[in-house]
Every structure is written in structure tokens, then in C-alpha cells.
Amino acid sequence: MAQTVPTIRDQENSTVAAVQHFRRMRGGAQAHLVKCSDENYYVVKFQNNPQHVRVLANELFATRLARYIGLPVPETKLVEVGQEFILDSPALTIELRSGTVPCQPGLHFGSQYLINVFEGRVFDFLPLDALSFVRNQETFAGVLALDKWTGNADGRQAAFWRKNRERRCFVSFIDQGHCFNAGQWDFPDHPLRGVYCRNEVYQGVRGWDSFEPWLSRIEEIEEDAVRRIAGEIPPEWFGGEWRELENLIRALLARRGVVRSLIDAFRLSGRCPFPNWTREVVTCNYLHSESGVNSLCR
């Protein structure tokens, strides 16, 4: 079958080479923090990760869609990892059920570390009383729209970063690997999928205006833009299955018109995530307790 989605990525601008292994990262994909040829650090997910090779495609596709609609996400690159680099980095491994294996050479997904490791700190999680110090907390509403559009089958992952000696921080949205239902590339929608574990981040949601401009940008995104971003995915990250990528693109385009209804299903769920929604009274009996909101946090 002829290619229906051309690869148009600019190798010179989008590819960097791994030059120094820094450390292993937490998470199911077993990513590694690596310094690259542009002097920046990247969280690198490898093709032979224990989740699925399509996780790399999902990361690139969904993160670049998020950036296109204006959400705070890391810069993404294609990271070239050579065999010699792997041989010189004995800690660069993947743990499988069958045993520990080296990360394979080739082209892998890189998410730029949110701040220079010597200039600031990154936090996977903030205590409840620190959420008020997040400068761009309103973007949680925007990423909810993105997650509903892309069918994120996982909880929403966020990273908080700040410079040294600063008290307030910013949030950036990471780990898009389970968008499009991870390796399945389908959309089994559920109200509580693709949402952040704490309702407190949605305190500022008072109506549909709180989802702007991101929701409208999703609904109005042009087909050419979606196809251009999809065309930047290396074919080895989805096995060169062009028909399946084409089906994914068509499904994503069709879903532009149902994002509001998917958000509404979450709004009306038992979690009652938007207590300050002012345009309509929603009755729910969800309790903010250790067995409720906080128990969903990992």
C-alpha cells in the first residue's frame, strides 16, 4: 500500500545525538536522562521499552499537538543513540521479565528536561498546600481538553519546575505515551481517564470559558496541521503501518467535535471535579477524602 502520510521531518532541526548518560528515570517506560549534542538534557524513551514501541509515536504526536494549541509541554527531539554510546554506558539498560537488556541503538524519543539540572529543580508531585504557588495552574483545564481529544488512557502526568531560590513554580505536562490508548491506537473513552488525580487543580474552572483558548483551538485545528505533525513520526516507531496511522489521524479529526461532551461526562461524574462551575448547578456526593481524590494520586 502506498504511503498516505508522508514523513516530512527536518532531520537537521529535530535530531540530536546522545553524548552522556546521566541517570535512569522512574516510570513504566524506563526512560533515561541523557545529555545530547545540543548541550541539553533529554528524558529518552527507547524503542525496546517494556510498554510498546508506539509509546514513542504517541509521545511525539500528542506532545507536538499540545504545543501547537499552546499548552506548556517540553520541547521534543529525535535522539540518535549509537552502538558505541551504549557500550560505553553500562547503566543504559531496560529491565524485562526475561532479564535486563541494553537499550537498543537507533532513533528514540527525547523530551527536553524542563530546566537545566544545575539551575533548578523538577518535582513529580506537589503537596496540596503548594499548588497555590503554581503560576500557570489554569492550563490544567487546557490539558484536560487535549487528553479527552487524544483518548489518554492513563492519569494525567504533570511535572512542576522552578529555578533555584524561587518559591513559585510552573507546571509542564509530560508523559503522553498512553494517548490513543497506548499501543492500541483506539479510543475507549471513560470519564475518569486522562484526568489529574487532584480536583484542586480544577478550582479555577467556572464554565466553558475556562477551557479557552485550548478547546477552540482543538475544535478548529486544520487537517493539514494534524497530518503535518503525524508526518514527523519516524516510521520505525509504528512499524511502518501506514494504514493504521492514517486511521488514527482520521479518528482524531472526527473527535474534534466531541471533546465538549467528553469533558461534560467528566464534569457530571461522581468525582465532581468543578465545584466552582457557575453556569449550572451539578449535584454530586463525592467526598474529598483519603479514599477519594487523594487516593487516585500515585
Protein backbone atom coordinates (compact mmCIF):
# COMPACT_ATOMS: atom_id res chain seq x y z
CA MET A 1 0.00 0.00 0.00
CA ALA A 2 1.29 3.48 -0.82
CA GLN A 3 2.18 5.82 1.98
CA THR A 4 -0.76 8.06 2.83
CA VAL A 5 1.09 10.03 5.50
CA PRO A 6 4.40 11.45 4.21
CA THR A 7 7.34 11.84 6.57
CA ILE A 8 8.39 15.47 6.37
CA ARG A 9 10.51 15.87 9.47
CA ASP A 10 13.59 18.08 9.21
CA GLN A 11 16.40 15.85 10.45
CA GLU A 12 18.82 18.73 10.96
CA ASN A 13 16.48 20.61 13.27
CA SER A 14 14.73 17.75 15.05
CA THR A 15 17.51 15.20 15.66
CA VAL A 16 20.25 15.29 18.29
CA ALA A 17 22.82 12.71 19.29
CA ALA A 18 23.24 11.19 22.76
CA VAL A 19 26.64 12.05 24.24
CA GLN A 20 26.43 11.32 28.00
CA HIS A 21 24.24 9.10 30.15
CA PHE A 22 23.10 10.85 33.33
CA ARG A 23 20.67 8.58 35.19
CA ARG A 24 17.66 6.28 34.94
CA MET A 25 14.23 7.86 35.34
CA ARG A 26 11.17 6.50 37.11
CA GLY A 27 8.18 5.18 35.20
CA GLY A 28 6.92 2.20 33.29
CA ALA A 29 8.71 3.08 30.05
CA GLN A 30 12.08 3.04 31.90
CA ALA A 31 13.34 6.23 30.29
CA HIS A 32 16.86 7.58 30.84
CA LEU A 33 18.12 11.12 31.30
CA VAL A 34 20.74 11.76 28.63
CA LYS A 35 22.84 14.77 27.65
CA CYS A 36 22.78 15.35 23.91
CA SER A 37 24.83 17.06 21.23
CA ASP A 38 22.96 20.38 21.62
CA GLU A 39 24.15 20.57 25.26
CA ASN A 40 20.62 19.97 26.58
CA TYR A 41 19.37 17.08 28.71
CA TYR A 42 16.55 14.86 27.46
CA VAL A 43 14.36 12.21 29.03
CA VAL A 44 14.76 9.49 26.40
CA LYS A 45 12.29 6.67 25.81
CA PHE A 46 13.70 3.78 23.82
CA GLN A 47 12.13 1.66 21.12
CA ASN A 48 12.63 -1.51 23.17
CA ASN A 49 10.86 -0.11 26.24
CA PRO A 50 8.63 -2.62 28.10
CA GLN A 51 5.37 -0.83 27.22
CA HIS A 52 5.16 -0.60 23.44
CA VAL A 53 7.17 0.93 20.61
CA ARG A 54 4.13 3.06 19.71
CA VAL A 55 4.59 4.87 23.01
CA LEU A 56 7.31 6.84 21.24
CA ALA A 57 4.98 7.75 18.39
CA ASN A 58 2.29 8.79 20.88
CA GLU A 59 4.73 10.95 22.81
CA LEU A 60 5.86 12.83 19.72
CA PHE A 61 2.39 13.18 18.17
CA ALA A 62 0.47 14.23 21.28
CA THR A 63 3.19 16.48 22.70
CA ARG A 64 3.55 18.37 19.45
CA LEU A 65 -0.23 18.68 19.17
CA ALA A 66 -0.22 20.09 22.72
CA ARG A 67 2.47 22.60 21.82
CA TYR A 68 0.55 23.55 18.66
CA ILE A 69 -2.54 24.53 20.69
CA GLY A 70 -0.44 26.44 23.22
CA LEU A 71 -0.05 24.12 26.20
CA PRO A 72 3.12 24.03 28.33
CA VAL A 73 4.92 20.86 27.26
CA PRO A 74 8.61 20.07 26.86
CA GLU A 75 10.50 20.52 23.62
CA THR A 76 10.75 17.22 21.78
CA LYS A 77 13.58 15.79 19.69
CA LEU A 78 14.54 12.61 17.93
CA VAL A 79 17.56 11.25 19.78
CA GLU A 80 20.09 9.21 17.86
CA VAL A 81 21.78 6.65 20.12
CA GLY A 82 24.75 4.83 18.66
CA GLN A 83 26.03 1.35 19.48
CA GLU A 84 29.33 2.72 20.78
CA PHE A 85 27.49 5.04 23.18
CA ILE A 86 25.50 2.08 24.53
CA LEU A 87 28.66 0.02 25.02
CA ASP A 88 30.25 2.92 26.91
CA SER A 89 27.16 3.34 29.15
CA PRO A 90 26.63 0.09 31.10
CA ALA A 91 23.72 1.58 33.10
CA LEU A 92 21.77 2.23 29.90
CA THR A 93 19.53 -0.82 30.22
CA ILE A 94 15.90 -1.96 30.15
CA GLU A 95 14.55 -4.44 32.70
CA LEU A 96 12.23 -7.02 31.17
CA ARG A 97 10.57 -10.08 32.69
CA SER A 98 13.14 -12.21 30.89
CA GLY A 99 16.03 -10.19 32.31
CA THR A 100 17.98 -6.99 31.83
CA VAL A 101 18.88 -5.99 28.28
CA PRO A 102 20.78 -2.99 26.86
CA CYS A 103 18.82 -0.15 25.32
CA GLN A 104 18.91 -0.69 21.60
CA PRO A 105 20.70 1.69 19.22
CA GLY A 106 18.74 3.79 16.79
CA LEU A 107 16.35 6.72 16.81
CA HIS A 108 14.43 7.30 20.04
CA PHE A 109 12.08 9.86 21.60
CA GLY A 110 13.55 12.70 23.64
CA SER A 111 11.66 15.11 25.89
CA GLN A 112 13.84 18.02 26.94
CA TYR A 113 14.37 18.26 30.69
CA LEU A 114 12.34 21.18 31.96
CA ILE A 115 15.23 23.14 33.43
CA ASN A 116 18.99 22.86 33.48
CA VAL A 117 19.79 20.25 36.12
CA PHE A 118 22.21 22.68 37.79
CA GLU A 119 19.90 25.73 37.72
CA GLY A 120 16.67 24.47 39.22
CA ARG A 121 14.55 21.59 40.40
CA VAL A 122 11.77 19.45 38.97
CA PHE A 123 9.06 17.87 41.13
CA ASP A 124 6.82 14.98 40.09
CA PHE A 125 4.28 15.91 42.72
CA LEU A 126 3.42 18.87 44.96
CA PRO A 127 1.79 18.80 48.38
CA LEU A 128 -1.70 20.24 48.47
CA ASP A 129 -0.69 23.50 50.12
CA ALA A 130 1.91 24.16 47.42
CA LEU A 131 -0.48 24.03 44.46
CA SER A 132 -1.38 27.68 45.00
CA PHE A 133 2.21 28.56 44.06
CA VAL A 134 1.84 27.15 40.53
CA ARG A 135 1.86 30.17 38.22
CA ASN A 136 0.06 28.56 35.28
CA GLN A 137 -2.43 26.30 37.06
CA GLU A 138 -5.19 27.31 34.63
CA THR A 139 -3.54 25.18 31.95
CA PHE A 140 -4.82 22.02 33.69
CA ALA A 141 -8.17 22.80 32.03
CA GLY A 142 -6.47 23.00 28.64
CA VAL A 143 -4.64 19.72 29.00
CA LEU A 144 -7.88 18.06 30.09
CA ALA A 145 -9.33 19.03 26.71
CA LEU A 146 -6.26 17.60 24.99
CA ASP A 147 -6.43 14.34 26.94
CA LYS A 148 -10.09 13.86 26.12
CA TRP A 149 -9.41 14.57 22.44
CA THR A 150 -6.46 12.16 22.24
CA GLY A 151 -8.02 9.47 24.41
CA ASN A 152 -5.36 9.43 27.12
CA ALA A 153 -5.91 6.06 28.83
CA ASP A 154 -3.71 6.97 31.81
CA GLY A 155 -3.97 9.56 34.55
CA ARG A 156 -2.67 12.97 33.58
CA GLN A 157 1.02 13.31 34.42
CA ALA A 158 2.48 16.70 35.28
CA ALA A 159 5.88 17.97 36.33
CA PHE A 160 6.47 21.12 38.35
CA TRP A 161 9.67 23.09 37.99
CA ARG A 162 11.27 26.19 39.42
CA LYS A 163 14.60 27.91 39.41
CA ASN A 164 16.85 27.73 42.45
CA ARG A 165 15.86 30.09 45.27
CA GLU A 166 12.45 30.77 43.72
CA ARG A 167 9.31 29.83 45.60
CA ARG A 168 6.73 29.82 42.82
CA CYS A 169 6.85 27.23 40.07
CA PHE A 170 5.39 26.30 36.70
CA VAL A 171 3.66 23.14 35.55
CA SER A 172 4.52 21.32 32.35
CA PHE A 173 2.64 18.32 31.03
CA ILE A 174 4.68 15.21 30.39
CA ASP A 175 4.19 11.55 29.52
CA GLN A 176 1.79 11.40 26.60
CA GLY A 177 2.64 7.74 25.91
CA HIS A 178 -0.85 6.45 26.74
CA CYS A 179 -2.68 8.87 24.48
CA PHE A 180 -4.53 6.98 21.73
CA ASN A 181 -4.78 4.13 24.27
CA ALA A 182 -1.03 3.39 24.23
CA GLY A 183 -0.21 0.70 21.66
CA GLN A 184 -3.83 0.03 20.71
CA TRP A 185 -4.50 3.24 18.77
CA ASP A 186 -8.17 3.38 19.63
CA PHE A 187 -10.39 5.46 21.92
CA PRO A 188 -12.17 3.56 24.72
CA ASP A 189 -13.43 6.76 26.38
CA HIS A 190 -14.16 6.84 30.10
CA PRO A 191 -15.00 9.93 32.20
CA LEU A 192 -12.15 9.35 34.69
CA ARG A 193 -9.40 8.64 32.17
CA GLY A 194 -6.91 11.31 31.22
CA VAL A 195 -7.57 13.46 34.30
CA TYR A 196 -5.30 14.72 37.05
CA CYS A 197 -5.53 12.94 40.37
CA ARG A 198 -6.43 16.04 42.43
CA ASN A 199 -9.57 18.08 41.96
CA GLU A 200 -7.83 21.11 43.45
CA VAL A 201 -6.12 21.91 40.15
CA TYR A 202 -9.57 22.47 38.63
CA GLN A 203 -10.71 25.01 41.24
CA GLY A 204 -10.47 27.81 38.69
CA VAL A 205 -12.86 26.15 36.23
CA ARG A 206 -16.07 28.19 36.26
CA GLY A 207 -17.54 27.34 32.87
CA TRP A 208 -16.60 26.68 29.27
CA ASP A 209 -14.58 29.89 29.10
CA SER A 210 -12.06 28.31 31.47
CA PHE A 211 -11.07 25.86 28.70
CA GLU A 212 -10.14 28.63 26.31
CA PRO A 213 -8.25 29.16 24.12
CA TRP A 214 -7.21 25.50 24.02
CA LEU A 215 -10.63 23.92 23.47
CA SER A 216 -11.45 26.14 20.50
CA ARG A 217 -8.02 25.51 19.02
CA ILE A 218 -8.69 21.76 19.15
CA GLU A 219 -12.12 22.15 17.57
CA GLU A 220 -10.74 24.39 14.83
CA ILE A 221 -7.39 22.74 14.15
CA GLU A 222 -6.87 22.21 10.45
CA GLU A 223 -6.45 18.77 8.97
CA ASP A 224 -3.19 19.83 7.33
CA ALA A 225 -1.70 20.71 10.72
CA VAL A 226 -2.60 17.32 12.21
CA ARG A 227 -1.20 15.50 9.19
CA ARG A 228 2.00 17.54 9.23
CA ILE A 229 2.66 16.65 12.87
CA ALA A 230 1.83 12.99 12.26
CA GLY A 231 4.25 13.03 9.34
CA GLU A 232 7.08 13.85 11.73
CA ILE A 233 6.82 10.42 13.42
CA PRO A 234 9.64 8.06 12.38
CA PRO A 235 8.03 5.04 10.68
CA GLU A 236 10.03 2.60 12.82
CA TRP A 237 8.05 3.84 15.84
CA PHE A 238 4.85 2.32 14.44
CA GLY A 239 6.29 -0.49 12.34
CA GLY A 240 5.65 1.36 9.10
CA GLU A 241 1.94 0.53 9.43
CA TRP A 242 0.76 3.46 7.35
CA ARG A 243 -2.84 2.32 7.14
CA GLU A 244 -3.11 2.30 10.93
CA LEU A 245 -1.56 5.74 11.21
CA GLU A 246 -4.00 7.02 8.60
CA ASN A 247 -6.90 5.53 10.57
CA LEU A 248 -5.61 7.19 13.73
CA ILE A 249 -5.45 10.57 12.03
CA ARG A 250 -8.98 10.23 10.66
CA ALA A 251 -10.33 9.23 14.05
CA LEU A 252 -8.58 12.15 15.72
CA LEU A 253 -10.01 14.60 13.20
CA ALA A 254 -13.50 13.18 13.73
CA ARG A 255 -13.13 13.59 17.51
CA ARG A 256 -12.68 17.36 17.30
CA GLY A 257 -16.45 17.71 17.62
CA VAL A 258 -16.95 15.52 20.69
CA VAL A 259 -14.38 16.99 23.10
CA ARG A 260 -17.00 19.11 24.91
CA SER A 261 -19.24 16.11 25.50
CA LEU A 262 -16.28 14.14 26.87
CA ILE A 263 -15.42 16.98 29.26
CA ASP A 264 -19.06 17.17 30.24
CA ALA A 265 -19.06 13.46 31.11
CA PHE A 266 -16.18 14.11 33.50
CA ARG A 267 -17.92 17.18 34.92
CA LEU A 268 -21.05 15.15 35.68
CA SER A 269 -19.16 12.16 37.05
CA GLY A 270 -19.11 11.16 40.69
CA ARG A 271 -15.79 12.92 41.14
CA CYS A 272 -17.50 16.32 40.82
CA PRO A 273 -14.26 17.96 39.65
CA PHE A 274 -15.54 21.51 39.04
CA PRO A 275 -17.17 22.75 42.27
CA ASN A 276 -16.96 26.36 41.11
CA TRP A 277 -18.70 25.84 37.76
CA THR A 278 -21.12 28.78 37.80
CA ARG A 279 -23.40 28.27 34.82
CA GLU A 280 -25.14 25.13 36.02
CA VAL A 281 -25.59 23.52 39.40
CA VAL A 282 -24.25 19.99 39.49
CA THR A 283 -25.23 17.71 42.35
CA CYS A 284 -22.81 15.03 43.45
CA ASN A 285 -21.88 13.23 46.65
CA TYR A 286 -18.17 12.83 46.04
CA LEU A 287 -16.13 13.35 49.20
CA HIS A 288 -12.67 14.91 49.19
CA SER A 289 -11.08 12.34 51.42
CA GLU A 290 -8.17 9.91 51.52
CA SER A 291 -10.47 7.34 49.91
CA GLY A 292 -11.49 9.84 47.23
CA VAL A 293 -9.37 12.37 45.36
CA ASN A 294 -6.08 11.78 47.10
CA SER A 295 -6.29 8.02 46.73
CA LEU A 296 -6.10 8.47 42.96
CA CYS A 297 -2.65 10.04 43.21
CA ARG A 298 0.28 7.81 42.51
